[in-house]
C-alpha atoms as a PDB file:
ATOM      1  CA  UNK A   1     123.247 113.479  81.554  1.00  0.00           C
ATOM      2  CA  UNK A   2     121.851 115.649  84.315  1.00  0.00           C
ATOM      3  CA  UNK A   3     120.590 113.723  87.345  1.00  0.00           C
ATOM      4  CA  UNK A   4     117.094 114.554  88.558  1.00  0.00           C
ATOM      5  CA  UNK A   5     117.016 114.404  92.351  1.00  0.00           C
ATOM      6  CA  UNK A   6     114.064 112.985  94.235  1.00  0.00           C
ATOM      7  CA  UNK A   7     113.319 113.446  97.911  1.00  0.00           C
ATOM      8  CA  UNK A   8     114.827 110.002  98.576  1.00  0.00           C
ATOM      9  CA  UNK A   9     118.218 111.127  97.205  1.00  0.00           C
ATOM     10  CA  UNK A  10     118.867 113.643  99.937  1.00  0.00           C
ATOM     11  CA  UNK A  11     117.839 114.625 103.401  1.00  0.00           C
ATOM     12  CA  UNK A  12     115.496 117.582 103.181  1.00  0.00           C
ATOM     13  CA  UNK A  13     116.677 119.239 106.378  1.00  0.00           C
ATOM     14  CA  UNK A  14     120.321 118.241 106.577  1.00  0.00           C
ATOM     15  CA  UNK A  15     121.804 115.268 108.375  1.00  0.00           C
ATOM     16  CA  UNK A  16     120.148 113.775 111.437  1.00  0.00           C
ATOM     17  CA  UNK A  17     121.780 114.966 114.639  1.00  0.00           C
ATOM     18  CA  UNK A  18     120.534 112.967 117.618  1.00  0.00           C
ATOM     19  CA  UNK A  19     120.871 114.318 121.146  1.00  0.00           C
ATOM     20  CA  UNK A  20     119.866 112.840 124.471  1.00  0.00           C
ATOM     21  CA  UNK A  21     118.927 114.499 127.718  1.00  0.00           C
ATOM     22  CA  UNK A  22     119.633 112.782 131.008  1.00  0.00           C
ATOM     23  CA  UNK A  23     116.110 111.427 131.593  1.00  0.00           C
ATOM     24  CA  UNK A  24     116.127 108.404 129.252  1.00  0.00           C
ATOM     25  CA  UNK A  25     119.727 107.663 128.159  1.00  0.00           C
ATOM     26  CA  UNK A  26     119.147 103.958 127.482  1.00  0.00           C
ATOM     27  CA  UNK A  27     116.206 104.624 125.153  1.00  0.00           C
ATOM     28  CA  UNK A  28     118.192 107.312 123.332  1.00  0.00           C
ATOM     29  CA  UNK A  29     121.103 104.873 122.912  1.00  0.00           C
ATOM     30  CA  UNK A  30     118.732 102.243 121.477  1.00  0.00           C
ATOM     31  CA  UNK A  31     117.313 104.794 119.013  1.00  0.00           C
ATOM     32  CA  UNK A  32     120.875 105.685 118.051  1.00  0.00           C
ATOM     33  CA  UNK A  33     121.677 102.013 117.440  1.00  0.00           C
ATOM     34  CA  UNK A  34     118.525 101.564 115.336  1.00  0.00           C
ATOM     35  CA  UNK A  35     119.425 104.523 113.138  1.00  0.00           C
ATOM     36  CA  UNK A  36     123.083 103.557 112.978  1.00  0.00           C
ATOM     37  CA  UNK A  37     124.217 107.043 113.953  1.00  0.00           C
ATOM     38  CA  UNK A  38     126.018 108.117 117.129  1.00  0.00           C
ATOM     39  CA  UNK A  39     124.541 110.350 119.784  1.00  0.00           C
ATOM     40  CA  UNK A  40     125.988 113.841 119.517  1.00  0.00           C
ATOM     41  CA  UNK A  41     128.119 115.165 122.322  1.00  0.00           C
ATOM     42  CA  UNK A  42     126.794 117.702 124.788  1.00  0.00           C
ATOM     43  CA  UNK A  43     127.495 118.834 128.326  1.00  0.00           C
ATOM     44  CA  UNK A  44     124.601 119.231 130.768  1.00  0.00           C
ATOM     45  CA  UNK A  45     125.857 120.878 133.927  1.00  0.00           C
ATOM     46  CA  UNK A  46     123.830 121.066 137.135  1.00  0.00           C
ATOM     47  CA  UNK A  47     125.130 124.011 139.125  1.00  0.00           C
ATOM     48  CA  UNK A  48     125.053 124.143 142.963  1.00  0.00           C
ATOM     49  CA  UNK A  49     122.276 126.769 142.773  1.00  0.00           C
ATOM     50  CA  UNK A  50     120.097 124.180 140.946  1.00  0.00           C
ATOM     51  CA  UNK A  51     120.452 125.961 137.582  1.00  0.00           C
ATOM     52  CA  UNK A  52     121.110 123.949 134.421  1.00  0.00           C
ATOM     53  CA  UNK A  53     123.581 124.738 131.647  1.00  0.00           C
ATOM     54  CA  UNK A  54     123.880 123.076 128.223  1.00  0.00           C
ATOM     55  CA  UNK A  55     126.818 123.213 125.826  1.00  0.00           C
ATOM     56  CA  UNK A  56     127.072 121.395 122.472  1.00  0.00           C
ATOM     57  CA  UNK A  57     130.373 119.810 121.464  1.00  0.00           C
ATOM     58  CA  UNK A  58     129.873 120.626 117.766  1.00  0.00           C
ATOM     59  CA  UNK A  59     127.742 122.968 115.677  1.00  0.00           C
ATOM     60  CA  UNK A  60     124.323 121.872 114.422  1.00  0.00           C
ATOM     61  CA  UNK A  61     123.917 124.748 111.950  1.00  0.00           C
ATOM     62  CA  UNK A  62     121.577 123.742 109.133  1.00  0.00           C
ATOM     63  CA  UNK A  63     121.113 120.191 110.494  1.00  0.00           C
ATOM     64  CA  UNK A  64     118.010 118.127 111.314  1.00  0.00           C
ATOM     65  CA  UNK A  65     118.159 117.897 115.113  1.00  0.00           C
ATOM     66  CA  UNK A  66     116.245 115.471 117.356  1.00  0.00           C
ATOM     67  CA  UNK A  67     116.312 115.870 121.142  1.00  0.00           C
ATOM     68  CA  UNK A  68     115.234 112.764 123.077  1.00  0.00           C
ATOM     69  CA  UNK A  69     113.982 113.551 126.568  1.00  0.00           C
ATOM     70  CA  UNK A  70     111.144 111.973 128.518  1.00  0.00           C
ATOM     71  CA  UNK A  71     109.514 114.195 131.137  1.00  0.00           C
ATOM     72  CA  UNK A  72     108.747 111.799 133.968  1.00  0.00           C
ATOM     73  CA  UNK A  73     110.111 112.320 137.494  1.00  0.00           C
ATOM     74  CA  UNK A  74     111.960 114.464 138.360  1.00  0.00           C
ATOM     75  CA  UNK A  75     109.454 116.269 136.138  1.00  0.00           C
ATOM     76  CA  UNK A  76     110.585 119.870 136.469  1.00  0.00           C
ATOM     77  CA  UNK A  77     114.288 119.137 136.096  1.00  0.00           C
ATOM     78  CA  UNK A  78     113.648 117.004 133.014  1.00  0.00           C
ATOM     79  CA  UNK A  79     111.256 119.534 131.491  1.00  0.00           C
ATOM     80  CA  UNK A  80     113.650 122.459 132.013  1.00  0.00           C
ATOM     81  CA  UNK A  81     116.501 120.397 130.607  1.00  0.00           C
ATOM     82  CA  UNK A  82     114.428 119.730 127.483  1.00  0.00           C
ATOM     83  CA  UNK A  83     113.513 123.400 127.089  1.00  0.00           C
ATOM     84  CA  UNK A  84     117.119 124.574 127.505  1.00  0.00           C
ATOM     85  CA  UNK A  85     118.371 121.981 125.009  1.00  0.00           C
ATOM     86  CA  UNK A  86     115.754 123.060 122.469  1.00  0.00           C
ATOM     87  CA  UNK A  87     116.744 126.709 122.834  1.00  0.00           C
ATOM     88  CA  UNK A  88     120.414 125.784 122.505  1.00  0.00           C
ATOM     89  CA  UNK A  89     119.714 124.075 119.166  1.00  0.00           C
ATOM     90  CA  UNK A  90     117.671 127.021 117.928  1.00  0.00           C
ATOM     91  CA  UNK A  91     120.346 129.570 118.888  1.00  0.00           C
ATOM     92  CA  UNK A  92     122.970 127.454 117.102  1.00  0.00           C
ATOM     93  CA  UNK A  93     120.935 127.831 113.873  1.00  0.00           C
ATOM     94  CA  UNK A  94     119.737 124.241 113.523  1.00  0.00           C
ATOM     95  CA  UNK A  95     117.864 123.670 110.270  1.00  0.00           C
ATOM     96  CA  UNK A  96     114.975 121.972 112.092  1.00  0.00           C
ATOM     97  CA  UNK A  97     114.488 120.988 115.719  1.00  0.00           C
ATOM     98  CA  UNK A  98     112.255 118.097 116.799  1.00  0.00           C
ATOM     99  CA  UNK A  99     111.448 117.410 120.443  1.00  0.00           C
ATOM    100  CA  UNK A 100     111.184 113.640 120.959  1.00  0.00           C
ATOM    101  CA  UNK A 101     109.189 113.230 124.163  1.00  0.00           C
ATOM    102  CA  UNK A 102     108.327 109.568 124.845  1.00  0.00           C
ATOM    103  CA  UNK A 103     106.195 110.614 127.830  1.00  0.00           C
ATOM    104  CA  UNK A 104     104.723 114.124 128.036  1.00  0.00           C
ATOM    105  CA  UNK A 105     104.300 115.447 131.574  1.00  0.00           C
ATOM    106  CA  UNK A 106     101.126 117.176 132.819  1.00  0.00           C
ATOM    107  CA  UNK A 107      99.047 115.318 130.233  1.00  0.00           C
ATOM    108  CA  UNK A 108      96.326 114.729 132.838  1.00  0.00           C
ATOM    109  CA  UNK A 109      95.886 118.500 133.267  1.00  0.00           C
ATOM    110  CA  UNK A 110      94.173 118.873 129.888  1.00  0.00           C
ATOM    111  CA  UNK A 111      90.961 120.750 130.783  1.00  0.00           C
ATOM    112  CA  UNK A 112      89.270 122.943 133.373  1.00  0.00           C
ATOM    113  CA  UNK A 113      87.224 120.306 135.167  1.00  0.00           C
ATOM    114  CA  UNK A 114      86.921 122.401 138.340  1.00  0.00           C
ATOM    115  CA  UNK A 115      86.733 126.147 139.034  1.00  0.00           C
ATOM    116  CA  UNK A 116      89.994 128.094 139.383  1.00  0.00           C
ATOM    117  CA  UNK A 117      92.342 125.448 137.978  1.00  0.00           C
ATOM    118  CA  UNK A 118      94.929 125.658 135.153  1.00  0.00           C
ATOM    119  CA  UNK A 119      95.256 123.753 131.888  1.00  0.00           C
ATOM    120  CA  UNK A 120      98.912 122.923 132.471  1.00  0.00           C
ATOM    121  CA  UNK A 121      99.247 120.624 129.460  1.00  0.00           C
ATOM    122  CA  UNK A 122      98.632 123.658 127.223  1.00  0.00           C
ATOM    123  CA  UNK A 123     101.314 125.612 129.093  1.00  0.00           C
ATOM    124  CA  UNK A 124     103.840 122.794 128.604  1.00  0.00           C
ATOM    125  CA  UNK A 125     103.080 122.652 124.864  1.00  0.00           C
ATOM    126  CA  UNK A 126     103.508 126.429 124.580  1.00  0.00           C
ATOM    127  CA  UNK A 127     106.864 126.289 126.365  1.00  0.00           C
ATOM    128  CA  UNK A 128     108.180 123.532 124.102  1.00  0.00           C
ATOM    129  CA  UNK A 129     107.207 125.551 121.040  1.00  0.00           C
ATOM    130  CA  UNK A 130     108.614 128.851 122.344  1.00  0.00           C
ATOM    131  CA  UNK A 131     111.860 127.159 123.384  1.00  0.00           C
ATOM    132  CA  UNK A 132     112.575 126.362 119.744  1.00  0.00           C
ATOM    133  CA  UNK A 133     110.891 123.123 118.652  1.00  0.00           C
ATOM    134  CA  UNK A 134     109.703 123.048 115.041  1.00  0.00           C
ATOM    135  CA  UNK A 135     108.123 119.619 115.465  1.00  0.00           C
ATOM    136  CA  UNK A 136     107.438 117.068 118.180  1.00  0.00           C
ATOM    137  CA  UNK A 137     107.205 113.287 118.488  1.00  0.00           C
ATOM    138  CA  UNK A 138     105.416 111.702 121.439  1.00  0.00           C
ATOM    139  CA  UNK A 139     103.554 108.537 122.382  1.00  0.00           C
ATOM    140  CA  UNK A 140     100.065 107.774 123.694  1.00  0.00           C
ATOM    141  CA  UNK A 141      98.907 111.078 125.078  1.00  0.00           C
ATOM    142  CA  UNK A 142      96.521 110.699 128.006  1.00  0.00           C
ATOM    143  CA  UNK A 143      94.030 112.943 126.192  1.00  0.00           C
ATOM    144  CA  UNK A 144      93.818 113.289 122.423  1.00  0.00           C
ATOM    145  CA  UNK A 145      92.978 116.999 122.514  1.00  0.00           C
ATOM    146  CA  UNK A 146      96.516 117.777 123.713  1.00  0.00           C
ATOM    147  CA  UNK A 147      97.553 117.551 120.043  1.00  0.00           C
ATOM    148  CA  UNK A 148      95.533 120.723 119.539  1.00  0.00           C
ATOM    149  CA  UNK A 149      97.551 122.545 122.204  1.00  0.00           C
ATOM    150  CA  UNK A 150     100.543 122.534 119.834  1.00  0.00           C
ATOM    151  CA  UNK A 151     100.681 124.972 116.930  1.00  0.00           C
ATOM    152  CA  UNK A 152     103.578 123.047 115.405  1.00  0.00           C
ATOM    153  CA  UNK A 153     103.232 119.764 113.492  1.00  0.00           C
ATOM    154  CA  UNK A 154     104.016 116.507 115.189  1.00  0.00           C
ATOM    155  CA  UNK A 155     103.661 112.741 115.250  1.00  0.00           C
ATOM    156  CA  UNK A 156     101.604 111.245 118.067  1.00  0.00           C
ATOM    157  CA  UNK A 157     102.506 107.566 118.009  1.00  0.00           C
ATOM    158  CA  UNK A 158     101.018 104.602 119.831  1.00  0.00           C
ATOM    159  CA  UNK A 159     102.912 101.771 121.467  1.00  0.00           C
ATOM    160  CA  UNK A 160      99.797  99.608 121.529  1.00  0.00           C
ATOM    161  CA  UNK A 161     100.888  98.140 118.170  1.00  0.00           C
ATOM    162  CA  UNK A 162     103.977  96.829 119.966  1.00  0.00           C
ATOM    163  CA  UNK A 163     102.020  95.629 123.003  1.00  0.00           C
ATOM    164  CA  UNK A 164      99.300  93.896 120.985  1.00  0.00           C
ATOM    165  CA  UNK A 165     101.889  92.153 118.789  1.00  0.00           C
ATOM    166  CA  UNK A 166     103.521  90.767 121.940  1.00  0.00           C
ATOM    167  CA  UNK A 167     100.184  89.413 123.202  1.00  0.00           C
ATOM    168  CA  UNK A 168      99.357  87.953 119.781  1.00  0.00           C
ATOM    169  CA  UNK A 169     102.540  85.857 119.911  1.00  0.00           C
ATOM    170  CA  UNK A 170     101.297  84.116 123.060  1.00  0.00           C
ATOM    171  CA  UNK A 171      97.553  84.323 122.384  1.00  0.00           C
ATOM    172  CA  UNK A 172      97.209  80.670 121.370  1.00  0.00           C
ATOM    173  CA  UNK A 173      98.235  79.689 124.923  1.00  0.00           C
ATOM    174  CA  UNK A 174      95.613  81.901 126.588  1.00  0.00           C
ATOM    175  CA  UNK A 175      92.260  80.487 127.749  1.00  0.00           C
ATOM    176  CA  UNK A 176      89.297  82.397 126.261  1.00  0.00           C
ATOM    177  CA  UNK A 177      91.128  85.740 126.608  1.00  0.00           C
ATOM    178  CA  UNK A 178      89.237  88.954 127.236  1.00  0.00           C
ATOM    179  CA  UNK A 179      90.485  92.548 127.389  1.00  0.00           C
ATOM    180  CA  UNK A 180      89.412  94.656 130.373  1.00  0.00           C
ATOM    181  CA  UNK A 181      89.670  98.448 130.089  1.00  0.00           C
ATOM    182  CA  UNK A 182      90.833  99.793 133.449  1.00  0.00           C
ATOM    183  CA  UNK A 183      88.239 102.604 133.321  1.00  0.00           C
ATOM    184  CA  UNK A 184      85.523 103.932 131.034  1.00  0.00           C
ATOM    185  CA  UNK A 185      87.755 106.831 129.934  1.00  0.00           C
ATOM    186  CA  UNK A 186      89.976 104.237 128.281  1.00  0.00           C
ATOM    187  CA  UNK A 187      87.040 102.443 126.656  1.00  0.00           C
ATOM    188  CA  UNK A 188      87.731 103.469 123.047  1.00  0.00           C
ATOM    189  CA  UNK A 189      91.432 102.602 123.098  1.00  0.00           C
ATOM    190  CA  UNK A 190      90.629  99.410 124.978  1.00  0.00           C
ATOM    191  CA  UNK A 191      88.085  98.452 122.342  1.00  0.00           C
ATOM    192  CA  UNK A 192      90.648  99.018 119.588  1.00  0.00           C
ATOM    193  CA  UNK A 193      93.136  96.853 121.471  1.00  0.00           C
ATOM    194  CA  UNK A 194      90.544  94.084 121.818  1.00  0.00           C
ATOM    195  CA  UNK A 195      89.634  94.370 118.129  1.00  0.00           C
ATOM    196  CA  UNK A 196      93.285  93.926 117.160  1.00  0.00           C
ATOM    197  CA  UNK A 197      93.387  90.699 119.181  1.00  0.00           C
ATOM    198  CA  UNK A 198      89.876  89.723 117.973  1.00  0.00           C
ATOM    199  CA  UNK A 199      88.699  89.116 121.538  1.00  0.00           C
ATOM    200  CA  UNK A 200      85.784  90.569 123.568  1.00  0.00           C
ATOM    201  CA  UNK A 201      86.112  93.493 125.955  1.00  0.00           C
ATOM    202  CA  UNK A 202      84.871  94.278 129.448  1.00  0.00           C
ATOM    203  CA  UNK A 203      85.038  97.549 131.390  1.00  0.00           C
ATOM    204  CA  UNK A 204      85.708  98.725 134.914  1.00  0.00           C
ATOM    205  CA  UNK A 205      83.381 101.492 136.097  1.00  0.00           C
ATOM    206  CA  UNK A 206      84.992 103.853 138.602  1.00  0.00           C
ATOM    207  CA  UNK A 207      83.542 106.767 140.532  1.00  0.00           C
ATOM    208  CA  UNK A 208      84.864 109.402 142.879  1.00  0.00           C
ATOM    209  CA  UNK A 209      82.610 110.036 145.837  1.00  0.00           C
ATOM    210  CA  UNK A 210      82.564 112.097 149.009  1.00  0.00           C
ATOM    211  CA  UNK A 211      85.107 114.642 147.770  1.00  0.00           C
ATOM    212  CA  UNK A 212      87.768 111.942 147.594  1.00  0.00           C
ATOM    213  CA  UNK A 213      90.074 112.283 144.600  1.00  0.00           C
ATOM    214  CA  UNK A 214      90.989 108.588 144.750  1.00  0.00           C
ATOM    215  CA  UNK A 215      88.667 106.589 142.475  1.00  0.00           C
ATOM    216  CA  UNK A 216      87.054 103.406 143.691  1.00  0.00           C
ATOM    217  CA  UNK A 217      86.427 100.512 141.312  1.00  0.00           C
ATOM    218  CA  UNK A 218      82.755  99.696 141.686  1.00  0.00           C
ATOM    219  CA  UNK A 219      81.510  97.572 138.832  1.00  0.00           C
ATOM    220  CA  UNK A 220      82.777  95.162 136.206  1.00  0.00           C
ATOM    221  CA  UNK A 221      80.777  95.456 132.998  1.00  0.00           C
ATOM    222  CA  UNK A 222      81.262  92.096 131.284  1.00  0.00           C
ATOM    223  CA  UNK A 223      81.951  88.458 132.204  1.00  0.00           C
ATOM    224  CA  UNK A 224      85.478  87.228 133.015  1.00  0.00           C
ATOM    225  CA  UNK A 225      84.525  83.987 134.761  1.00  0.00           C
ATOM    226  CA  UNK A 226      87.026  81.251 133.880  1.00  0.00           C
ATOM    227  CA  UNK A 227      88.853  83.417 131.320  1.00  0.00           C
ATOM    228  CA  UNK A 228      92.366  84.801 131.037  1.00  0.00           C
ATOM    229  CA  UNK A 229      92.188  88.577 131.413  1.00  0.00           C
ATOM    230  CA  UNK A 230      94.302  91.344 129.857  1.00  0.00           C
ATOM    231  CA  UNK A 231      93.873  94.571 131.855  1.00  0.00           C
ATOM    232  CA  UNK A 232      94.962  97.597 129.768  1.00  0.00           C
ATOM    233  CA  UNK A 233      95.567 101.267 130.525  1.00  0.00           C
ATOM    234  CA  UNK A 234      97.683 104.020 128.965  1.00  0.00           C
ATOM    235  CA  UNK A 235      99.697 104.823 132.101  1.00  0.00           C
ATOM    236  CA  UNK A 236     100.030 103.672 135.681  1.00  0.00           C
ATOM    237  CA  UNK A 237     100.783 106.329 138.278  1.00  0.00           C
ATOM    238  CA  UNK A 238     100.248 105.300 141.914  1.00  0.00           C
ATOM    239  CA  UNK A 239      98.870 101.906 140.898  1.00  0.00           C
ATOM    240  CA  UNK A 240      95.766 102.152 143.105  1.00  0.00           C
ATOM    241  CA  UNK A 241      93.293 102.076 140.193  1.00  0.00           C
ATOM    242  CA  UNK A 242      94.833  99.086 138.420  1.00  0.00           C
ATOM    243  CA  UNK A 243      95.218  97.278 141.738  1.00  0.00           C
ATOM    244  CA  UNK A 244      91.473  97.641 142.301  1.00  0.00           C
ATOM    245  CA  UNK A 245      90.798  96.556 138.719  1.00  0.00           C
ATOM    246  CA  UNK A 246      92.985  93.443 138.990  1.00  0.00           C
ATOM    247  CA  UNK A 247      91.542  92.435 142.362  1.00  0.00           C
ATOM    248  CA  UNK A 248      88.009  93.017 141.079  1.00  0.00           C
ATOM    249  CA  UNK A 249      88.388  90.783 138.002  1.00  0.00           C
ATOM    250  CA  UNK A 250      90.073  88.139 140.167  1.00  0.00           C
ATOM    251  CA  UNK A 251      87.116  88.197 142.549  1.00  0.00           C
ATOM    252  CA  UNK A 252      84.816  87.712 139.543  1.00  0.00           C
ATOM    253  CA  UNK A 253      86.504  84.442 138.607  1.00  0.00           C
ATOM    254  CA  UNK A 254      89.293  85.480 136.223  1.00  0.00           C
ATOM    255  CA  UNK A 255      92.044  82.926 135.636  1.00  0.00           C
ATOM    256  CA  UNK A 256      95.476  84.246 134.573  1.00  0.00           C
ATOM    257  CA  UNK A 257      95.712  88.051 134.597  1.00  0.00           C
ATOM    258  CA  UNK A 258      98.047  90.172 132.463  1.00  0.00           C
ATOM    259  CA  UNK A 259      98.494  93.891 133.098  1.00  0.00           C
ATOM    260  CA  UNK A 260      99.478  96.153 130.189  1.00  0.00           C
ATOM    261  CA  UNK A 261     100.322  99.849 130.044  1.00  0.00           C
ATOM    262  CA  UNK A 262     102.452 102.131 127.862  1.00  0.00           C
ATOM    263  CA  UNK A 263     103.855 104.540 130.458  1.00  0.00           C
ATOM    264  CA  UNK A 264     105.090 102.996 133.738  1.00  0.00           C
ATOM    265  CA  UNK A 265     105.143 106.164 135.860  1.00  0.00           C
ATOM    266  CA  UNK A 266     104.944 104.054 139.044  1.00  0.00           C
ATOM    267  CA  UNK A 267     105.116 106.856 141.601  1.00  0.00           C
ATOM    268  CA  UNK A 268     105.125 106.308 145.366  1.00  0.00           C
ATOM    269  CA  UNK A 269     104.806 102.569 146.152  1.00  0.00           C
ATOM    270  CA  UNK A 270     103.255 101.576 142.813  1.00  0.00           C
ATOM    271  CA  UNK A 271     105.986  99.083 141.872  1.00  0.00           C
ATOM    272  CA  UNK A 272     105.602  97.256 145.183  1.00  0.00           C
ATOM    273  CA  UNK A 273     101.803  97.339 144.828  1.00  0.00           C
ATOM    274  CA  UNK A 274     101.942  95.775 141.352  1.00  0.00           C
ATOM    275  CA  UNK A 275     104.478  93.183 142.492  1.00  0.00           C
ATOM    276  CA  UNK A 276     101.977  91.880 145.063  1.00  0.00           C
ATOM    277  CA  UNK A 277      99.023  91.659 142.667  1.00  0.00           C
ATOM    278  CA  UNK A 278      97.855  88.237 141.392  1.00  0.00           C
ATOM    279  CA  UNK A 279      99.441  88.793 137.974  1.00  0.00           C
ATOM    280  CA  UNK A 280     101.100  86.392 135.589  1.00  0.00           C
ATOM    281  CA  UNK A 281     102.896  89.256 133.816  1.00  0.00           C
ATOM    282  CA  UNK A 282     103.159  93.050 133.802  1.00  0.00           C
ATOM    283  CA  UNK A 283     103.901  94.239 130.254  1.00  0.00           C
ATOM    284  CA  UNK A 284     105.021  97.806 129.594  1.00  0.00           C
ATOM    285  CA  UNK A 285     107.484  99.900 127.555  1.00  0.00           C
ATOM    286  CA  UNK A 286     110.606 101.990 128.082  1.00  0.00           C
ATOM    287  CA  UNK A 287     108.977 105.406 127.524  1.00  0.00           C
ATOM    288  CA  UNK A 288     109.704 105.933 131.222  1.00  0.00           C
ATOM    289  CA  UNK A 289     112.810 104.196 132.599  1.00  0.00           C
ATOM    290  CA  UNK A 290     112.368 101.992 135.652  1.00  0.00           C
ATOM    291  CA  UNK A 291     114.724 102.724 138.528  1.00  0.00           C
ATOM    292  CA  UNK A 292     116.765  99.842 139.932  1.00  0.00           C
ATOM    293  CA  UNK A 293     114.621  99.831 143.044  1.00  0.00           C
ATOM    294  CA  UNK A 294     111.378  99.544 141.044  1.00  0.00           C
ATOM    295  CA  UNK A 295     112.875  96.829 138.861  1.00  0.00           C
ATOM    296  CA  UNK A 296     113.869  94.813 141.946  1.00  0.00           C
ATOM    297  CA  UNK A 297     110.224  94.678 142.975  1.00  0.00           C
ATOM    298  CA  UNK A 298     108.959  93.790 139.500  1.00  0.00           C
ATOM    299  CA  UNK A 299     111.740  91.731 137.922  1.00  0.00           C
ATOM    300  CA  UNK A 300     109.929  88.381 138.250  1.00  0.00           C
ATOM    301  CA  UNK A 301     106.787  89.741 136.588  1.00  0.00           C
ATOM    302  CA  UNK A 302     107.762  92.624 134.321  1.00  0.00           C
ATOM    303  CA  UNK A 303     108.385  92.563 130.563  1.00  0.00           C
ATOM    304  CA  UNK A 304     109.673  95.817 129.057  1.00  0.00           C
ATOM    305  CA  UNK A 305     109.177  96.277 125.310  1.00  0.00           C
ATOM    306  CA  UNK A 306     111.278  98.926 123.589  1.00  0.00           C
ATOM    307  CA  UNK A 307     109.754 101.767 121.595  1.00  0.00           C
ATOM    308  CA  UNK A 308     113.183 102.613 120.139  1.00  0.00           C
ATOM    309  CA  UNK A 309     112.562 100.947 116.724  1.00  0.00           C
ATOM    310  CA  UNK A 310     109.230 102.793 116.413  1.00  0.00           C
ATOM    311  CA  UNK A 311     110.710 106.195 117.270  1.00  0.00           C
ATOM    312  CA  UNK A 312     113.838 105.529 115.220  1.00  0.00           C
ATOM    313  CA  UNK A 313     111.843 104.672 112.108  1.00  0.00           C
ATOM    314  CA  UNK A 314     109.684 107.793 112.512  1.00  0.00           C
ATOM    315  CA  UNK A 315     112.829 109.933 112.813  1.00  0.00           C
ATOM    316  CA  UNK A 316     114.231 108.346 109.642  1.00  0.00           C
ATOM    317  CA  UNK A 317     111.017 108.942 107.697  1.00  0.00           C
ATOM    318  CA  UNK A 318     110.647 112.507 108.992  1.00  0.00           C
ATOM    319  CA  UNK A 319     114.180 113.291 107.885  1.00  0.00           C
ATOM    320  CA  UNK A 320     113.578 111.828 104.431  1.00  0.00           C
ATOM    321  CA  UNK A 321     110.160 113.447 103.999  1.00  0.00           C
ATOM    322  CA  UNK A 322     108.359 110.096 103.866  1.00  0.00           C
ATOM    323  CA  UNK A 323     104.955 109.140 105.244  1.00  0.00           C
ATOM    324  CA  UNK A 324     104.725 107.909 108.823  1.00  0.00           C
ATOM    325  CA  UNK A 325     101.178 106.648 108.292  1.00  0.00           C
ATOM    326  CA  UNK A 326     102.485 104.027 105.835  1.00  0.00           C
ATOM    327  CA  UNK A 327     104.048 102.244 108.819  1.00  0.00           C
ATOM    328  CA  UNK A 328     100.538 101.492 110.081  1.00  0.00           C
ATOM    329  CA  UNK A 329      98.839 101.074 106.673  1.00  0.00           C
ATOM    330  CA  UNK A 330      97.169 104.475 107.083  1.00  0.00           C
END
């Protein structure tokens, strides 16, 4: 009797071949462990003239290739490494190449908000596509319209499912919890986060004045008096904005304060700044790895939740031609 194959009987684009750049090796290893497949061998050589060279240990011809590389600092080295790896896969005749970018650099440069400035996020998307990516996977873009900068299909995931589930496990111990969106630009995502927890939401209003690019937290819209507060944002860069937000809600009578973000960029002295805030806990993910120095500042307060199971499951479903939306009942 002739067997009729379904799309679950075979991988549509060959076997999964998982590669890691040098930017997030621990996350790549965790994704590898989730999938139960080893990371493929490659050499990434940094020459004395600051040029990069990539060589694969084995052929990926006809295979379904996934390149895991976050693009946080050092941004330009990590971005070039990603682009060179993607081109290497394409030139070796990979069946399909997917760029797995837990954090996409230049995502704040998403529009011309001043005269004579670039839209660098669009340039980065173009480079990833031209380098050889057929698809992309990323998490929590700073601006939703960046999806439109790609002409290739992709999966834009959110780690807020992971973060909200963590809060829900301890929610019964919180006193009248309320979510505070760190700025009005995060209002919609903050509202969704609050709805998931079934708690109210408040907002921080920020303005830039006097030609100063550093925002100043001016107003708290909502009442936090006597309540436990969950301050949420998508990423923390220098930490100045969230520091103002945390200090503002504390001055308005907040009790225990929890700080949540997906991408812990933590440039300059941000880790030290957060460590000195009146926080019970700083909850984030491993889309951007924390250096040992940053972790030393934060170790008593920080909880790092892994996005590896989320990314791993999306890779598995993409390889098998199955819906990703089913994971979130969509």
